[in-house]
Protein backbone atom coordinates (compact mmCIF):
# COMPACT_ATOMS: atom_id res chain seq x y z
CA MET A 1 -55.01 208.16 -68.10
CA GLY A 2 -54.61 207.69 -64.37
CA GLY A 3 -51.73 208.27 -61.99
CA PHE A 4 -50.01 206.72 -58.97
CA PHE A 5 -47.84 207.67 -56.01
CA GLY A 6 -45.85 205.35 -53.77
CA VAL A 7 -43.55 205.81 -50.77
CA VAL A 8 -41.12 203.76 -48.67
CA SER A 9 -39.95 205.57 -45.57
CA LYS A 10 -38.25 205.22 -42.20
CA GLN A 11 -41.10 207.25 -40.67
CA ASN A 12 -44.89 207.32 -41.01
CA CYS A 13 -45.57 208.18 -44.65
CA VAL A 14 -49.38 208.18 -44.77
CA PRO A 15 -49.65 211.98 -45.22
CA ASP A 16 -47.23 211.78 -48.17
CA ILE A 17 -49.25 209.00 -49.80
CA PHE A 18 -52.53 210.83 -49.27
CA PHE A 19 -51.42 214.20 -50.61
CA GLY A 20 -49.08 212.74 -53.24
CA THR A 21 -51.92 210.72 -54.74
CA ASP A 22 -54.22 213.74 -54.57
CA TYR A 23 -51.76 215.68 -56.76
CA HIS A 24 -52.74 213.26 -59.55
CA SER A 25 -56.48 214.01 -59.30
CA HIS A 26 -56.39 216.42 -62.27
CA LEU A 27 -55.90 213.43 -64.56
CA GLY A 28 -59.68 213.26 -64.45
CA THR A 29 -60.47 209.62 -63.83
CA VAL A 30 -63.19 208.04 -61.75
CA ARG A 31 -61.72 205.64 -59.17
CA GLY A 32 -59.29 206.26 -56.33
CA GLY A 33 -57.48 203.94 -53.95
CA MET A 34 -54.87 203.73 -51.22
CA ALA A 35 -53.07 200.82 -49.54
CA VAL A 36 -50.64 201.16 -46.65
CA LEU A 37 -48.39 198.59 -45.01
CA ALA A 38 -48.61 198.74 -41.21
CA GLU A 39 -47.13 196.63 -38.45
CA GLY A 40 -47.97 192.97 -38.63
CA PRO A 41 -47.07 193.26 -41.47
CA ARG A 42 -50.57 193.91 -42.73
CA PHE A 43 -52.07 195.85 -45.61
CA HIS A 44 -54.92 198.30 -45.03
CA ARG A 45 -56.83 199.42 -48.11
CA ALA A 46 -59.53 201.85 -49.20
CA ILE A 47 -61.15 202.28 -52.65
CA HIS A 48 -63.80 204.86 -53.57
CA ASP A 49 -65.66 206.29 -56.55
CA ILE A 50 -64.34 209.84 -57.07
CA GLU A 51 -66.10 210.70 -60.33
CA ASN A 52 -68.03 213.55 -58.74
CA THR A 53 -66.09 213.95 -55.49
CA GLN A 54 -62.59 215.23 -54.82
CA PHE A 55 -60.06 212.60 -53.74
CA ARG A 56 -59.24 214.49 -50.53
CA THR A 57 -62.89 214.66 -49.50
CA LYS A 58 -63.65 211.03 -50.26
CA PHE A 59 -60.55 209.65 -48.53
CA ASP A 60 -60.35 211.99 -45.55
CA VAL A 61 -61.75 209.41 -43.10
CA ASP A 62 -59.40 206.74 -44.48
CA PHE A 63 -56.48 209.15 -44.18
CA GLN A 64 -57.20 209.72 -40.50
CA ARG A 65 -57.55 205.97 -39.91
CA PHE A 66 -54.38 205.05 -41.82
CA ASN A 67 -52.39 207.86 -40.24
CA GLY A 68 -52.96 206.31 -36.82
CA LEU A 69 -51.39 203.06 -38.02
CA VAL A 70 -47.94 204.65 -38.48
CA ALA A 71 -47.40 202.95 -41.85
CA LYS A 72 -43.94 203.25 -43.36
CA ALA A 73 -44.83 202.19 -46.91
CA GLY A 74 -47.84 202.61 -49.13
CA ILE A 75 -49.26 203.33 -52.57
CA GLY A 76 -52.12 205.40 -53.95
CA VAL A 77 -53.77 205.53 -57.35
CA ILE A 78 -56.19 207.51 -59.46
CA SER A 79 -57.57 204.89 -61.83
CA ASP A 80 -59.35 205.01 -65.17
CA TYR A 81 -62.14 202.56 -64.40
CA ASP A 82 -61.05 199.62 -62.30
CA ASP A 83 -60.71 199.17 -58.55
CA GLN A 84 -57.14 199.56 -57.32
CA PRO A 85 -54.90 198.86 -55.46
CA LEU A 86 -55.39 195.10 -55.54
CA LEU A 87 -54.12 192.94 -52.68
CA ILE A 88 -52.64 189.71 -54.00
CA ALA A 89 -51.47 186.50 -52.29
CA SER A 90 -49.26 184.29 -54.46
CA HIS A 91 -46.26 181.96 -54.36
CA LEU A 92 -44.12 185.11 -54.63
CA GLY A 93 -45.65 186.53 -51.46
CA VAL A 94 -48.34 189.02 -50.47
CA TYR A 95 -48.34 192.36 -52.25
CA ALA A 96 -50.36 195.39 -53.28
CA LEU A 97 -50.44 196.43 -56.93
CA VAL A 98 -51.43 199.53 -58.91
CA THR A 99 -51.15 200.05 -62.67
CA VAL A 100 -51.51 202.93 -65.11
CA GLY A 101 -52.05 202.47 -68.83
CA LEU A 102 -54.18 200.48 -71.22
CA VAL A 103 -53.97 196.70 -71.65
CA SER A 104 -55.46 196.56 -75.12
CA ASN A 105 -55.06 192.77 -75.48
CA VAL A 106 -56.64 191.95 -72.13
CA ASP A 107 -59.12 189.45 -73.63
CA GLU A 108 -56.35 187.47 -75.34
CA LEU A 109 -54.27 187.44 -72.15
CA VAL A 110 -57.23 186.19 -70.11
CA GLU A 111 -57.84 183.32 -72.53
CA GLU A 112 -54.16 182.39 -72.40
CA LEU A 113 -54.15 182.46 -68.60
CA TYR A 114 -57.24 180.23 -68.50
CA GLU A 115 -55.89 177.71 -70.99
CA LYS A 116 -52.21 177.49 -70.02
CA ASN A 117 -52.20 178.27 -66.32
CA GLY A 118 -55.69 177.38 -65.18
CA THR A 119 -55.87 180.85 -63.62
CA HIS A 120 -59.09 182.12 -62.12
CA LEU A 121 -59.88 185.84 -61.93
CA SER A 122 -62.21 187.30 -59.32
CA GLU A 123 -62.17 191.10 -59.81
CA LEU A 124 -65.17 191.56 -62.11
CA GLY A 125 -66.17 195.16 -61.58
CA ARG A 126 -68.57 196.50 -64.24
CA GLY A 127 -68.96 192.90 -65.45
CA VAL A 128 -65.48 192.75 -67.01
CA VAL A 129 -62.11 191.47 -65.87
CA ASN A 130 -59.98 193.97 -63.96
CA PRO A 131 -56.85 194.60 -66.09
CA THR A 132 -54.72 195.07 -62.96
CA GLU A 133 -55.61 191.55 -61.84
CA VAL A 134 -54.56 190.25 -65.24
CA VAL A 135 -51.20 192.01 -64.78
CA ALA A 136 -50.91 190.38 -61.32
CA ALA A 137 -51.62 186.94 -62.83
CA LEU A 138 -48.85 187.46 -65.39
CA ILE A 139 -46.42 188.50 -62.64
CA ASN A 140 -47.37 185.47 -60.54
CA SER A 141 -46.55 183.09 -63.40
CA GLN A 142 -42.83 183.76 -62.98
CA ASP A 143 -40.22 182.96 -60.31
CA SER A 144 -39.58 186.46 -58.94
CA TYR A 145 -41.21 189.87 -58.82
CA ALA A 146 -38.63 191.34 -61.21
CA GLN A 147 -39.03 188.51 -63.71
CA GLY A 148 -42.79 188.69 -63.40
CA ILE A 149 -42.97 192.42 -64.10
CA GLU A 150 -40.62 192.09 -67.06
CA TYR A 151 -42.69 189.19 -68.41
CA ALA A 152 -45.94 191.11 -67.99
CA GLN A 153 -44.49 194.12 -69.84
CA LYS A 154 -43.55 191.91 -72.77
CA LYS A 155 -46.97 190.28 -72.97
CA ILE A 156 -49.01 193.47 -72.75
CA LEU A 157 -50.05 195.36 -75.86
CA GLY A 158 -50.84 198.98 -75.15
CA SER A 159 -49.03 200.24 -72.06
CA CYS A 160 -48.54 199.45 -68.39
CA SER A 161 -46.55 201.27 -65.73
CA LEU A 162 -46.94 199.97 -62.20
CA ILE A 163 -46.01 199.96 -58.52
CA LEU A 164 -45.86 196.69 -56.57
CA LEU A 165 -45.44 196.86 -52.78
CA THR A 166 -44.57 193.63 -50.96
CA ASN A 167 -45.50 192.89 -47.35
CA LYS A 168 -41.77 193.05 -46.61
CA GLY A 169 -41.74 196.75 -47.42
CA GLU A 170 -40.02 196.38 -50.80
CA MET A 171 -41.46 198.52 -53.58
CA TYR A 172 -41.01 197.56 -57.24
CA VAL A 173 -41.63 200.36 -59.72
CA GLY A 174 -41.83 199.65 -63.44
CA ARG A 175 -42.23 201.95 -66.43
CA ASP A 176 -43.96 200.85 -69.60
CA ARG A 177 -41.33 199.36 -71.89
CA TYR A 178 -41.83 202.06 -74.50
CA GLY A 179 -42.13 204.84 -71.93
CA ARG A 180 -45.63 205.85 -73.03
CA THR A 181 -46.35 207.13 -69.53
CA PRO A 182 -43.69 208.91 -67.44
CA VAL A 183 -42.47 207.58 -64.09
CA VAL A 184 -40.28 209.74 -61.88
CA LEU A 185 -38.48 208.89 -58.64
CA GLY A 186 -38.01 211.31 -55.74
CA GLU A 187 -36.11 211.33 -52.48
CA LYS A 188 -35.90 213.14 -49.17
CA GLU A 189 -34.17 212.26 -45.93
CA GLY A 190 -35.29 208.79 -44.93
CA ALA A 191 -37.74 208.25 -47.78
CA TYR A 192 -38.07 207.47 -51.48
CA ALA A 193 -41.12 208.04 -53.68
CA ALA A 194 -42.36 207.17 -57.17
CA ALA A 195 -44.97 209.08 -59.15
CA ILE A 196 -46.38 209.85 -62.57
CA GLU A 197 -46.49 213.61 -61.95
CA SER A 198 -43.31 215.27 -60.68
CA CYS A 199 -45.44 218.18 -59.41
CA SER A 200 -46.41 215.90 -56.51
CA PHE A 201 -42.90 216.15 -55.01
CA PRO A 202 -41.96 219.76 -54.04
CA ASN A 203 -44.63 220.50 -51.43
CA LEU A 204 -43.98 217.14 -49.77
CA GLY A 205 -40.26 217.84 -49.47
CA TYR A 206 -39.08 215.44 -52.18
CA LYS A 207 -36.46 216.31 -54.77
CA PRO A 208 -36.62 214.59 -58.17
CA LEU A 209 -34.07 211.78 -58.29
CA ARG A 210 -34.45 210.62 -61.89
CA ASN A 211 -36.86 209.34 -64.51
CA LEU A 212 -37.18 205.62 -65.07
CA GLY A 213 -35.91 204.45 -68.44
CA PHE A 214 -38.14 202.71 -70.97
CA GLY A 215 -39.05 199.31 -69.52
CA GLU A 216 -36.89 199.82 -66.44
CA VAL A 217 -37.88 198.22 -63.14
CA VAL A 218 -36.37 199.31 -59.84
CA LYS A 219 -36.64 198.01 -56.30
CA MET A 220 -36.98 200.75 -53.68
CA THR A 221 -36.34 200.27 -49.99
CA VAL A 222 -35.53 202.76 -47.25
CA ASP A 223 -31.87 202.06 -47.99
CA GLY A 224 -31.95 203.08 -51.65
CA VAL A 225 -32.99 202.33 -55.22
CA GLU A 226 -31.71 199.36 -57.21
CA THR A 227 -32.36 198.60 -60.88
CA VAL A 228 -33.58 195.01 -61.18
CA VAL A 229 -34.62 195.13 -64.87
CA ALA A 230 -32.49 197.32 -67.11
CA PRO A 231 -34.09 199.76 -69.58
CA THR A 232 -34.90 198.11 -72.88
CA GLY A 233 -32.66 200.45 -74.87
CA LYS A 234 -35.33 200.36 -77.56
CA ARG A 235 -36.97 203.23 -79.32
CA GLY A 236 -39.49 204.96 -77.07
CA ALA A 237 -43.05 206.08 -77.65
CA ILE A 238 -43.74 208.77 -75.04
CA CYS A 239 -47.27 210.12 -75.35
CA SER A 240 -47.02 213.64 -76.79
CA PHE A 241 -50.48 214.44 -75.47
CA ILE A 242 -49.12 214.40 -71.92
CA TRP A 243 -47.51 217.77 -72.58
CA VAL A 244 -50.35 219.15 -74.70
CA TYR A 245 -53.18 218.24 -72.34
CA PHE A 246 -52.83 215.67 -69.56
CA GLY A 247 -49.80 216.87 -67.64
CA TYR A 248 -50.00 219.42 -64.83
CA PRO A 249 -48.16 222.68 -65.66
CA ALA A 250 -45.69 222.26 -62.78
CA SER A 251 -44.61 218.77 -63.90
CA THR A 252 -41.55 217.93 -65.94
CA PHE A 253 -41.55 214.77 -68.03
CA ASP A 254 -38.29 213.37 -69.37
CA GLY A 255 -36.61 216.75 -68.99
CA CYS A 256 -39.39 218.84 -70.61
CA ASN A 257 -41.63 221.04 -68.43
CA VAL A 258 -45.32 221.04 -69.35
CA GLU A 259 -45.92 224.80 -69.02
CA GLN A 260 -42.85 225.68 -71.08
CA VAL A 261 -43.95 223.25 -73.81
CA ARG A 262 -47.37 224.90 -73.91
CA TYR A 263 -45.82 228.37 -74.18
CA ARG A 264 -43.77 227.15 -77.14
CA CYS A 265 -46.84 225.57 -78.73
CA GLY A 266 -48.62 228.91 -78.51
CA GLU A 267 -45.63 230.73 -79.98
CA CYS A 268 -45.57 228.37 -82.96
CA LEU A 269 -49.28 228.89 -83.56
CA ALA A 270 -48.83 232.66 -83.50
CA LYS A 271 -45.99 232.50 -86.02
CA ARG A 272 -47.78 230.10 -88.37
CA ASN A 273 -51.30 231.50 -88.07
CA PRO A 274 -51.26 235.23 -87.21
CA VAL A 275 -54.48 237.21 -87.10
CA GLU A 276 -55.44 240.68 -85.92
CA ALA A 277 -57.45 240.60 -82.69
CA ASP A 278 -58.21 242.50 -79.51
CA SER A 279 -57.25 239.76 -77.07
CA VAL A 280 -56.03 236.17 -76.74
CA ALA A 281 -57.67 233.71 -74.35
CA GLY A 282 -57.17 230.11 -73.34
CA VAL A 283 -59.96 227.58 -72.87
CA PRO A 284 -59.43 226.62 -69.19
CA ASP A 285 -57.40 224.92 -67.96
CA SER A 286 -54.96 223.35 -70.40
CA GLY A 287 -55.52 225.98 -73.09
CA VAL A 288 -54.21 228.76 -70.83
CA GLY A 289 -50.52 227.98 -71.26
CA HIS A 290 -50.89 227.78 -75.03
CA ALA A 291 -52.71 231.13 -75.05
CA LEU A 292 -50.04 232.83 -72.95
CA GLY A 293 -47.40 231.71 -75.43
CA TYR A 294 -49.52 232.91 -78.35
CA ALA A 295 -50.19 236.31 -76.74
CA ALA A 296 -46.51 236.91 -75.94
CA GLU A 297 -45.38 236.05 -79.46
CA ALA A 298 -48.20 237.97 -81.18
CA GLY A 299 -47.97 241.03 -78.95
CA ILE A 300 -51.71 240.88 -78.21
CA ARG A 301 -53.02 241.22 -74.66
CA TYR A 302 -54.08 238.12 -72.76
CA ALA A 303 -57.63 238.17 -71.34
CA ARG A 304 -60.12 235.80 -69.69
CA PRO A 305 -63.56 236.13 -71.29
CA PHE A 306 -64.33 232.67 -69.88
CA VAL A 307 -63.47 231.73 -66.30
CA LYS A 308 -63.68 228.23 -64.89
CA TYR A 309 -65.61 227.47 -61.73
CA THR A 310 -63.22 224.95 -60.19
CA PRO A 311 -64.49 224.00 -56.71
CA THR A 312 -66.94 221.28 -57.70
CA TRP A 313 -66.95 220.47 -61.41
CA PRO A 314 -64.81 217.57 -62.68
CA ARG A 315 -63.05 217.47 -66.04
CA SER A 316 -65.66 217.35 -68.76
CA PHE A 317 -64.37 214.32 -70.69
CA MET A 318 -64.86 212.03 -67.67
CA PRO A 319 -68.51 210.93 -67.84
CA SER A 320 -69.31 208.25 -70.41
CA ASP A 321 -72.71 209.79 -71.11
CA PRO A 322 -72.44 212.46 -73.89
CA SER A 323 -75.24 214.62 -72.50
CA MET A 324 -73.57 214.72 -69.08
CA ARG A 325 -70.20 215.63 -70.66
CA GLN A 326 -71.88 218.50 -72.48
CA HIS A 327 -73.68 219.64 -69.34
CA ILE A 328 -70.47 219.70 -67.26
CA ALA A 329 -68.58 221.54 -69.99
CA GLN A 330 -71.23 224.24 -70.07
CA MET A 331 -71.71 224.59 -66.33
CA LYS A 332 -68.06 224.88 -65.35
CA LEU A 333 -67.24 227.79 -67.72
CA ILE A 334 -68.74 231.16 -66.89
CA PRO A 335 -68.58 233.94 -69.55
CA ILE A 336 -67.68 237.56 -68.80
CA PRO A 337 -69.80 239.57 -71.29
CA GLU A 338 -67.84 242.77 -70.67
CA LEU A 339 -64.75 241.11 -72.18
CA ILE A 340 -66.68 239.56 -75.07
CA LYS A 341 -69.06 242.10 -76.59
CA GLY A 342 -67.70 243.72 -79.74
CA GLN A 343 -64.33 241.99 -79.36
CA ARG A 344 -62.19 240.13 -81.87
CA LEU A 345 -61.12 237.10 -79.84
CA ILE A 346 -58.42 234.46 -80.34
CA PHE A 347 -58.95 231.29 -78.33
CA CYS A 348 -56.31 228.61 -77.79
CA ASP A 349 -57.24 225.08 -76.79
CA ASP A 350 -55.37 221.78 -76.51
CA SER A 351 -57.42 219.81 -79.04
CA ILE A 352 -60.75 219.21 -80.72
CA VAL A 353 -62.13 215.72 -80.16
CA ARG A 354 -65.88 215.56 -80.87
CA GLY A 355 -66.33 219.31 -81.31
CA THR A 356 -69.62 219.47 -79.39
CA GLN A 357 -68.25 221.39 -76.39
CA LEU A 358 -66.42 223.90 -78.57
CA ARG A 359 -69.49 224.44 -80.73
CA ASP A 360 -71.56 225.27 -77.66
CA GLN A 361 -68.89 227.64 -76.35
CA VAL A 362 -68.80 229.47 -79.67
CA ARG A 363 -72.59 229.86 -79.59
CA ARG A 364 -72.38 231.40 -76.13
CA LEU A 365 -69.63 233.80 -77.24
CA THR A 366 -71.66 234.81 -80.29
CA ALA A 367 -74.76 235.35 -78.16
CA ASP A 368 -72.71 237.61 -75.87
CA GLY A 369 -71.73 239.78 -78.84
CA ALA A 370 -68.28 238.56 -79.88
CA LYS A 371 -67.34 240.23 -83.16
CA GLU A 372 -64.88 237.55 -84.32
CA ILE A 373 -63.84 234.19 -82.86
CA HIS A 374 -60.54 232.70 -84.04
CA MET A 375 -59.61 229.26 -82.73
CA ARG A 376 -56.00 227.99 -82.53
CA ILE A 377 -55.47 224.34 -81.57
CA ALA A 378 -52.20 223.27 -79.93
CA CYS A 379 -52.00 219.90 -81.66
CA PRO A 380 -52.74 218.60 -85.17
CA PRO A 381 -56.23 217.26 -86.01
CA LEU A 382 -57.00 214.04 -84.15
CA LEU A 383 -57.49 211.37 -86.81
CA TYR A 384 -57.04 208.12 -84.86
CA LYS A 385 -58.37 206.79 -81.55
CA CYS A 386 -55.60 206.26 -78.97
CA ARG A 387 -54.78 202.58 -78.46
CA PHE A 388 -52.20 203.00 -75.75
CA ILE A 389 -53.13 205.11 -72.71
CA ASN A 390 -56.91 205.78 -72.53
CA PHE A 391 -56.62 209.49 -73.27
CA SER A 392 -60.35 209.98 -73.97
CA ARG A 393 -63.69 208.29 -73.43
CA SER A 394 -64.34 207.95 -77.17
CA ARG A 395 -65.58 204.46 -77.94
CA SER A 396 -65.23 204.71 -81.70
CA VAL A 397 -62.96 206.53 -84.09
CA MET A 398 -66.15 207.95 -85.60
CA ASP A 399 -66.60 210.00 -82.41
CA LEU A 400 -63.86 212.24 -83.81
CA VAL A 401 -65.21 215.26 -85.68
CA THR A 402 -62.43 214.86 -88.26
CA ARG A 403 -63.53 211.32 -89.14
CA ARG A 404 -67.15 212.30 -89.49
CA VAL A 405 -66.20 215.13 -91.83
CA ILE A 406 -63.85 212.89 -93.84
CA LYS A 407 -66.62 210.32 -94.24
CA GLU A 408 -68.91 213.04 -95.58
CA ILE A 409 -66.24 214.07 -98.09
CA ASP A 410 -64.93 210.69 -99.25
CA GLY A 411 -67.21 208.01 -97.82
CA ASP A 412 -66.30 204.88 -95.83
CA LYS A 413 -63.22 204.05 -97.90
CA ALA A 414 -61.48 207.40 -97.50
CA GLU A 415 -57.69 207.39 -97.48
CA ILE A 416 -57.03 209.02 -94.10
CA SER A 417 -53.38 209.78 -94.84
CA ARG A 418 -54.53 212.36 -97.41
CA TYR A 419 -55.85 214.47 -94.53
CA GLN A 420 -52.59 214.60 -92.57
CA ASP A 421 -50.64 217.01 -94.77
CA PRO A 422 -51.56 220.59 -93.76
CA ASP A 423 -50.60 221.82 -97.24
CA SER A 424 -52.92 219.40 -99.05
CA GLU A 425 -56.29 220.38 -100.45
CA SER A 426 -57.94 217.49 -98.56
CA TYR A 427 -56.64 218.79 -95.23
CA LYS A 428 -57.72 222.35 -95.99
CA LYS A 429 -61.19 221.21 -97.00
CA MET A 430 -61.57 219.18 -93.79
CA VAL A 431 -60.50 222.11 -91.60
CA GLU A 432 -62.79 224.51 -93.47
CA ILE A 433 -65.82 222.27 -92.94
CA ILE A 434 -65.01 221.94 -89.23
CA ARG A 435 -64.59 225.73 -88.97
CA GLU A 436 -67.92 226.31 -90.66
CA ARG A 437 -69.69 223.73 -88.51
CA LEU A 438 -68.36 225.22 -85.29
CA GLY A 439 -69.25 228.77 -86.29
CA LEU A 440 -65.69 230.11 -86.11
CA THR A 441 -64.24 233.08 -87.94
CA SER A 442 -61.03 231.12 -88.50
CA LEU A 443 -59.53 227.82 -87.38
CA ALA A 444 -55.94 226.57 -87.42
CA PHE A 445 -54.24 223.50 -86.01
CA GLN A 446 -50.63 222.96 -84.95
CA ARG A 447 -48.30 221.26 -87.41
CA ILE A 448 -46.74 218.02 -86.24
CA ASP A 449 -43.17 219.29 -86.70
CA ASP A 450 -43.92 222.40 -84.66
CA LEU A 451 -45.43 220.25 -81.92
CA LYS A 452 -42.35 218.03 -81.75
CA LYS A 453 -40.11 221.09 -81.69
CA SER A 454 -42.20 222.60 -78.90
CA ILE A 455 -41.92 219.49 -76.75
CA GLY A 456 -38.16 219.45 -77.14
CA ALA A 457 -37.65 215.76 -76.33
CA ASP A 458 -36.06 213.34 -78.79
CA ALA A 459 -38.60 213.45 -81.63
CA ASP A 460 -37.96 209.79 -82.48
CA ASN A 461 -39.21 208.81 -79.01
CA LEU A 462 -42.53 210.66 -79.19
CA CYS A 463 -45.79 208.87 -79.89
CA THR A 464 -47.91 210.79 -82.40
CA TYR A 465 -50.27 207.94 -83.27
CA CYS A 466 -53.52 209.85 -82.69
CA TRP A 467 -52.48 212.37 -85.37
CA THR A 468 -50.42 210.26 -87.79
CA GLY A 469 -51.61 206.68 -87.28
CA GLN A 470 -47.99 205.57 -87.01
CA ASP A 471 -46.80 203.45 -84.07
CA VAL A 472 -43.23 204.64 -83.53
CA SER A 473 -42.47 201.64 -81.29
CA LEU A 474 -42.44 199.33 -84.31
CA ASP A 475 -39.04 198.35 -85.66
CA SER A 476 -38.45 199.61 -89.18
CA SER A 477 -38.14 195.99 -90.32
CA CYS A 478 -41.45 194.96 -88.76
CA ALA A 479 -44.29 194.09 -91.09
CA ALA A 480 -47.12 195.75 -89.18
CA GLY A 481 -49.88 193.21 -89.12
CA CYS A 482 -47.66 190.14 -88.84
CA CYS A 483 -48.82 189.47 -85.23
CA ALA A 484 -46.29 186.65 -84.90
CA CYS A 485 -43.94 188.42 -82.48
CA ASP A 486 -44.36 189.89 -78.99
CA LYS A 487 -43.76 193.48 -80.05
CA ASN A 488 -45.94 196.08 -78.39
CA CYS A 489 -47.50 197.08 -81.70
CA ILE A 490 -51.02 197.99 -82.71
CA ALA A 491 -51.38 195.13 -85.20
CA LYS A 492 -53.27 192.82 -82.84
CA SER A 493 -55.66 195.50 -81.69
CA VAL A 494 -56.57 197.09 -85.02
């Protein structure tokens, strides 16, 4: 998914940018970058590959160099694929730009920029256009930064939250117009900050100021924060998976703390799907909170038959190569046979995507003598590939274990909606086949209503597309598939 952190300050803020960006490293992406504004005014930038290296380690030399510049404004980013921040010179001025999200109509936007504006694009990493440069080109087509960001948000299908830092020390922060990704502002004496993860604030001395509204754009200077584009006032589509999986436990998004949501998810699973067992465990890391909630509600002790070796292994969904994903997943989890042999175990995890990692974990547990293995999943079965925030590396919807099973049951023309109702025979058959294939004693998924209740935010503003296939950002009057309006819908990208 990616994350960013930006600061404007009356004092040198390089340490805040360095450590604030690092607090987003858990989002598990592969590129990192920093840009600081020093005297001149002049931007200084560094970009590195962090797929197999911690952000702090890779950027330590740059941190020392930047820190000597006494920069009073800067931005940092953990990016999905593309190089960021970009440094842009335009009729609006010179600025640095970072984005988080997924521009799903990037090809169409590029063609439009070529034909109407005669734009040329130069950032061609991995042989494709850099989406952040496309966003910059859209911004540059307007008469002001605020107008440009608002215009870009309207043109983009998918999602895009961003930070734009001018060479005058003005920082523009914009949240995706349907709020798919969170953006929070923080303050301390003499400084203001913007971030995706609120957990990046406390240890740096910042107190949360407020969340940006859907589509809101603010201008931050050392003197304060000013709204330059008002929130859209439209229905939101906040990614529910941020609480289930992506978000760090210490972060609070739109008033709902991640760890508390996971406890509630576990409680709901225990109420809906009770089973006798000797212990409850969470698949590290995101499954731990769900398991603690399950254990407390069920009155069964919490244990750790698997422990995660954290110092060097990245998150296992990161590599694009399936064999490498599987290798990382196996290497980072170390079993404790003394807590496994002869035990009836309940495991909680955030989701099942392909099922390959879970299948291998179950085999290891069985080999170590587990008597029973019951799996409880904190979200409903994933039935659709995310089109909005890049939440996994799946290239096709058929990467999902659910879709492969459904195809086996009903063929290519299966009616997917039949598999969404947990009380339907189709749903039960799908779950039973997955359970059998993974070698589990029992398997149960969260119900969508229980998930919404666990999150606690306004249910109408939660995106549940990957489970339901419904884009909640569409107006009720919209004919999905019309493609004639500028709505941020999925119709153009289906």
